[in-house]
Amino acid sequence: MIYLLIIFVIALALAPLLHVVPSKYQRRVARLREFAALQGLFVEFRTVPGGTLTAAESAQHSPAKTIYYGLRIPTSGRMDRPRAAWVNSDMGWRSLPRGGAVPAALDDLPRAVFAASCDEGSWGIYWQEDGEEAEIGQIFGVLAGLVEGNNP
């Protein structure tokens, strides 16, 4: 009986510590974000800019889990660049709002990426971190090409 009491007291003391231990998902996301930072990308919570999404496009992602991985544009390469955004659906990439040109390089992004944008300071993608380090390397390659090419 005394042993059960000791085990109960120890379990009671250790229980709050289990809430501090990161889950498998949290460790994976931290690993992805660290790898992205080592590649030169920054990570932010952002909403997809530029226009309204169709019902099918909205169903592809949860706004609460939408993460922006961006690559900053060097100061010397910044021009008066208009903001632009594109969304990826089953029919391919389209401009938000409709009618704008879509950079061909966006076709090289992983399927997990559902939107991309550029603004005055960065090129970036929107996704829910449903990939691995290899996909982050692929994302970095595409974004670096877009920054170098000074596309829209």
C-alpha atoms as a PDB file:
ATOM      1  CA  MET A   1       0.000   0.000   0.000  1.00  0.00           C
ATOM      2  CA  ILE A   2       2.810   2.406   0.829  1.00  0.00           C
ATOM      3  CA  TYR A   3       4.374   1.753  -2.599  1.00  0.00           C
ATOM      4  CA  LEU A   4       1.159   2.700  -4.367  1.00  0.00           C
ATOM      5  CA  LEU A   5       1.024   5.926  -2.387  1.00  0.00           C
ATOM      6  CA  ILE A   6       4.637   6.761  -3.336  1.00  0.00           C
ATOM      7  CA  ILE A   7       3.946   6.027  -7.027  1.00  0.00           C
ATOM      8  CA  PHE A   8       0.807   8.180  -6.884  1.00  0.00           C
ATOM      9  CA  VAL A   9       2.692  11.120  -5.331  1.00  0.00           C
ATOM     10  CA  ILE A  10       5.500  10.861  -7.907  1.00  0.00           C
ATOM     11  CA  ALA A  11       2.986  10.673 -10.778  1.00  0.00           C
ATOM     12  CA  LEU A  12       1.146  13.669  -9.362  1.00  0.00           C
ATOM     13  CA  ALA A  13       4.404  15.650  -9.208  1.00  0.00           C
ATOM     14  CA  LEU A  14       5.437  14.703 -12.761  1.00  0.00           C
ATOM     15  CA  ALA A  15       2.048  15.249 -14.457  1.00  0.00           C
ATOM     16  CA  PRO A  16       2.461  19.023 -14.987  1.00  0.00           C
ATOM     17  CA  LEU A  17       5.812  18.408 -16.693  1.00  0.00           C
ATOM     18  CA  LEU A  18       4.128  16.339 -19.413  1.00  0.00           C
ATOM     19  CA  HIS A  19       2.322  19.463 -20.646  1.00  0.00           C
ATOM     20  CA  VAL A  20       5.673  21.109 -21.364  1.00  0.00           C
ATOM     21  CA  VAL A  21       7.045  18.281 -23.508  1.00  0.00           C
ATOM     22  CA  PRO A  22       6.477  19.118 -27.208  1.00  0.00           C
ATOM     23  CA  SER A  23       4.353  16.766 -29.266  1.00  0.00           C
ATOM     24  CA  LYS A  24       5.622  14.948 -32.349  1.00  0.00           C
ATOM     25  CA  TYR A  25       3.833  17.501 -34.568  1.00  0.00           C
ATOM     26  CA  GLN A  26       5.389  20.437 -32.682  1.00  0.00           C
ATOM     27  CA  ARG A  27       8.870  18.940 -33.005  1.00  0.00           C
ATOM     28  CA  ARG A  28       8.365  18.412 -36.750  1.00  0.00           C
ATOM     29  CA  VAL A  29       7.174  22.006 -37.275  1.00  0.00           C
ATOM     30  CA  ALA A  30      10.095  23.361 -35.234  1.00  0.00           C
ATOM     31  CA  ARG A  31      12.499  21.283 -37.343  1.00  0.00           C
ATOM     32  CA  LEU A  32      10.935  22.637 -40.576  1.00  0.00           C
ATOM     33  CA  ARG A  33      11.096  26.236 -39.382  1.00  0.00           C
ATOM     34  CA  GLU A  34      14.689  25.865 -38.241  1.00  0.00           C
ATOM     35  CA  PHE A  35      15.648  24.402 -41.622  1.00  0.00           C
ATOM     36  CA  ALA A  36      13.823  27.263 -43.362  1.00  0.00           C
ATOM     37  CA  ALA A  37      15.708  29.823 -41.269  1.00  0.00           C
ATOM     38  CA  LEU A  38      19.007  28.161 -42.148  1.00  0.00           C
ATOM     39  CA  GLN A  39      18.070  28.450 -45.831  1.00  0.00           C
ATOM     40  CA  GLY A  40      17.434  32.198 -45.401  1.00  0.00           C
ATOM     41  CA  LEU A  41      13.635  32.165 -45.221  1.00  0.00           C
ATOM     42  CA  PHE A  42      11.549  33.892 -42.580  1.00  0.00           C
ATOM     43  CA  VAL A  43       8.301  32.500 -41.203  1.00  0.00           C
ATOM     44  CA  GLU A  44       5.147  34.481 -40.318  1.00  0.00           C
ATOM     45  CA  PHE A  45       1.456  33.980 -39.815  1.00  0.00           C
ATOM     46  CA  ARG A  46      -0.281  35.781 -42.709  1.00  0.00           C
ATOM     47  CA  THR A  47      -3.567  35.591 -44.522  1.00  0.00           C
ATOM     48  CA  VAL A  48      -3.607  35.059 -48.266  1.00  0.00           C
ATOM     49  CA  PRO A  49      -3.734  38.550 -49.858  1.00  0.00           C
ATOM     50  CA  GLY A  50      -5.140  39.812 -53.077  1.00  0.00           C
ATOM     51  CA  GLY A  51      -8.695  38.645 -53.392  1.00  0.00           C
ATOM     52  CA  THR A  52     -11.304  36.147 -52.526  1.00  0.00           C
ATOM     53  CA  LEU A  53     -10.779  32.426 -52.826  1.00  0.00           C
ATOM     54  CA  THR A  54     -13.291  30.065 -54.376  1.00  0.00           C
ATOM     55  CA  ALA A  55     -15.020  27.544 -52.121  1.00  0.00           C
ATOM     56  CA  ALA A  56     -12.765  24.748 -53.419  1.00  0.00           C
ATOM     57  CA  GLU A  57      -9.623  26.812 -52.771  1.00  0.00           C
ATOM     58  CA  SER A  58     -10.811  27.773 -49.286  1.00  0.00           C
ATOM     59  CA  ALA A  59     -11.445  24.112 -48.468  1.00  0.00           C
ATOM     60  CA  GLN A  60      -7.777  23.322 -49.158  1.00  0.00           C
ATOM     61  CA  HIS A  61      -6.501  25.149 -46.121  1.00  0.00           C
ATOM     62  CA  SER A  62      -7.356  26.390 -42.661  1.00  0.00           C
ATOM     63  CA  PRO A  63      -6.622  30.108 -42.155  1.00  0.00           C
ATOM     64  CA  ALA A  64      -5.614  29.396 -38.546  1.00  0.00           C
ATOM     65  CA  LYS A  65      -2.766  27.160 -39.752  1.00  0.00           C
ATOM     66  CA  THR A  66      -1.672  29.202 -42.755  1.00  0.00           C
ATOM     67  CA  ILE A  67       2.039  29.960 -42.554  1.00  0.00           C
ATOM     68  CA  TYR A  68       4.020  32.310 -44.814  1.00  0.00           C
ATOM     69  CA  TYR A  69       7.579  31.328 -45.707  1.00  0.00           C
ATOM     70  CA  GLY A  70       9.203  34.374 -47.276  1.00  0.00           C
ATOM     71  CA  LEU A  71      12.483  35.405 -48.827  1.00  0.00           C
ATOM     72  CA  ARG A  72      13.403  39.030 -48.337  1.00  0.00           C
ATOM     73  CA  ILE A  73      14.272  41.109 -51.380  1.00  0.00           C
ATOM     74  CA  PRO A  74      17.659  42.821 -50.990  1.00  0.00           C
ATOM     75  CA  THR A  75      17.363  46.590 -50.646  1.00  0.00           C
ATOM     76  CA  SER A  76      19.325  47.124 -53.840  1.00  0.00           C
ATOM     77  CA  GLY A  77      16.854  44.964 -55.783  1.00  0.00           C
ATOM     78  CA  ARG A  78      13.690  46.640 -54.550  1.00  0.00           C
ATOM     79  CA  MET A  79      11.767  48.645 -57.053  1.00  0.00           C
ATOM     80  CA  ASP A  80       8.283  50.099 -56.988  1.00  0.00           C
ATOM     81  CA  ARG A  81       6.837  46.623 -57.117  1.00  0.00           C
ATOM     82  CA  PRO A  82       3.066  46.247 -56.989  1.00  0.00           C
ATOM     83  CA  ARG A  83       1.708  43.618 -54.656  1.00  0.00           C
ATOM     84  CA  ALA A  84       0.658  40.449 -56.386  1.00  0.00           C
ATOM     85  CA  ALA A  85      -0.759  37.123 -55.232  1.00  0.00           C
ATOM     86  CA  TRP A  86      -1.516  33.776 -56.823  1.00  0.00           C
ATOM     87  CA  VAL A  87      -3.431  30.739 -55.635  1.00  0.00           C
ATOM     88  CA  ASN A  88      -2.952  27.106 -56.636  1.00  0.00           C
ATOM     89  CA  SER A  89      -6.020  24.967 -57.226  1.00  0.00           C
ATOM     90  CA  ASP A  90      -6.849  21.783 -59.104  1.00  0.00           C
ATOM     91  CA  MET A  91      -6.822  23.818 -62.317  1.00  0.00           C
ATOM     92  CA  GLY A  92      -3.354  25.242 -61.673  1.00  0.00           C
ATOM     93  CA  TRP A  93      -2.118  28.650 -60.591  1.00  0.00           C
ATOM     94  CA  ARG A  94      -4.268  31.740 -61.043  1.00  0.00           C
ATOM     95  CA  SER A  95      -3.795  35.375 -60.166  1.00  0.00           C
ATOM     96  CA  LEU A  96      -5.641  37.099 -57.313  1.00  0.00           C
ATOM     97  CA  PRO A  97      -7.582  39.061 -58.442  1.00  0.00           C
ATOM     98  CA  ARG A  98      -8.106  37.265 -61.715  1.00  0.00           C
ATOM     99  CA  GLY A  99      -6.448  38.448 -64.870  1.00  0.00           C
ATOM    100  CA  GLY A 100      -2.846  39.011 -63.820  1.00  0.00           C
ATOM    101  CA  ALA A 101       0.181  37.196 -65.146  1.00  0.00           C
ATOM    102  CA  VAL A 102       1.313  34.074 -63.286  1.00  0.00           C
ATOM    103  CA  PRO A 103       5.096  33.511 -63.007  1.00  0.00           C
ATOM    104  CA  ALA A 104       6.011  30.200 -64.647  1.00  0.00           C
ATOM    105  CA  ALA A 105       8.343  29.354 -61.751  1.00  0.00           C
ATOM    106  CA  LEU A 106       5.329  28.764 -59.478  1.00  0.00           C
ATOM    107  CA  ASP A 107       4.754  25.457 -61.285  1.00  0.00           C
ATOM    108  CA  ASP A 108       7.981  24.195 -59.682  1.00  0.00           C
ATOM    109  CA  LEU A 109       6.636  24.599 -56.127  1.00  0.00           C
ATOM    110  CA  PRO A 110       5.569  21.535 -54.120  1.00  0.00           C
ATOM    111  CA  ARG A 111       1.876  20.591 -54.262  1.00  0.00           C
ATOM    112  CA  ALA A 112       1.497  21.441 -50.542  1.00  0.00           C
ATOM    113  CA  VAL A 113       1.933  25.146 -51.402  1.00  0.00           C
ATOM    114  CA  PHE A 114      -1.499  26.648 -52.043  1.00  0.00           C
ATOM    115  CA  ALA A 115      -0.642  30.329 -52.569  1.00  0.00           C
ATOM    116  CA  ALA A 116       2.244  32.683 -53.308  1.00  0.00           C
ATOM    117  CA  SER A 117       2.704  36.431 -53.205  1.00  0.00           C
ATOM    118  CA  CYS A 118       5.155  39.244 -53.635  1.00  0.00           C
ATOM    119  CA  ASP A 119       5.189  42.646 -52.010  1.00  0.00           C
ATOM    120  CA  GLU A 120       7.640  45.491 -51.528  1.00  0.00           C
ATOM    121  CA  GLY A 121       9.935  43.481 -49.278  1.00  0.00           C
ATOM    122  CA  SER A 122       9.606  39.794 -50.037  1.00  0.00           C
ATOM    123  CA  TRP A 123       8.505  36.896 -52.202  1.00  0.00           C
ATOM    124  CA  GLY A 124       6.810  34.084 -50.317  1.00  0.00           C
ATOM    125  CA  ILE A 125       4.512  31.103 -50.217  1.00  0.00           C
ATOM    126  CA  TYR A 126       1.561  30.091 -48.071  1.00  0.00           C
ATOM    127  CA  TRP A 127       1.160  26.541 -46.828  1.00  0.00           C
ATOM    128  CA  GLN A 128       0.365  24.502 -43.742  1.00  0.00           C
ATOM    129  CA  GLU A 129       3.796  22.949 -43.300  1.00  0.00           C
ATOM    130  CA  ASP A 130       2.677  19.622 -44.767  1.00  0.00           C
ATOM    131  CA  GLY A 131       6.115  18.744 -46.085  1.00  0.00           C
ATOM    132  CA  GLU A 132       9.701  17.913 -45.260  1.00  0.00           C
ATOM    133  CA  GLU A 133      13.074  19.626 -45.534  1.00  0.00           C
ATOM    134  CA  ALA A 134      13.462  18.685 -49.211  1.00  0.00           C
ATOM    135  CA  GLU A 135      10.332  20.669 -50.052  1.00  0.00           C
ATOM    136  CA  ILE A 136      11.664  23.685 -48.164  1.00  0.00           C
ATOM    137  CA  GLY A 137      14.817  23.471 -50.274  1.00  0.00           C
ATOM    138  CA  GLN A 138      12.614  23.393 -53.378  1.00  0.00           C
ATOM    139  CA  ILE A 139      10.613  26.399 -52.097  1.00  0.00           C
ATOM    140  CA  PHE A 140      13.822  28.320 -51.424  1.00  0.00           C
ATOM    141  CA  GLY A 141      15.099  27.587 -54.938  1.00  0.00           C
ATOM    142  CA  VAL A 142      11.925  28.888 -56.567  1.00  0.00           C
ATOM    143  CA  LEU A 143      11.758  32.002 -54.369  1.00  0.00           C
ATOM    144  CA  ALA A 144      15.444  32.768 -54.934  1.00  0.00           C
ATOM    145  CA  GLY A 145      14.879  32.518 -58.689  1.00  0.00           C
ATOM    146  CA  LEU A 146      11.914  34.879 -58.466  1.00  0.00           C
ATOM    147  CA  VAL A 147      13.883  37.415 -56.399  1.00  0.00           C
ATOM    148  CA  GLU A 148      16.804  37.233 -58.840  1.00  0.00           C
ATOM    149  CA  GLY A 149      14.536  37.568 -61.861  1.00  0.00           C
ATOM    150  CA  ASN A 150      12.656  40.561 -60.405  1.00  0.00           C
ATOM    151  CA  ASN A 151       9.352  39.143 -61.651  1.00  0.00           C
ATOM    152  CA  PRO A 152       6.154  41.174 -61.161  1.00  0.00           C
END
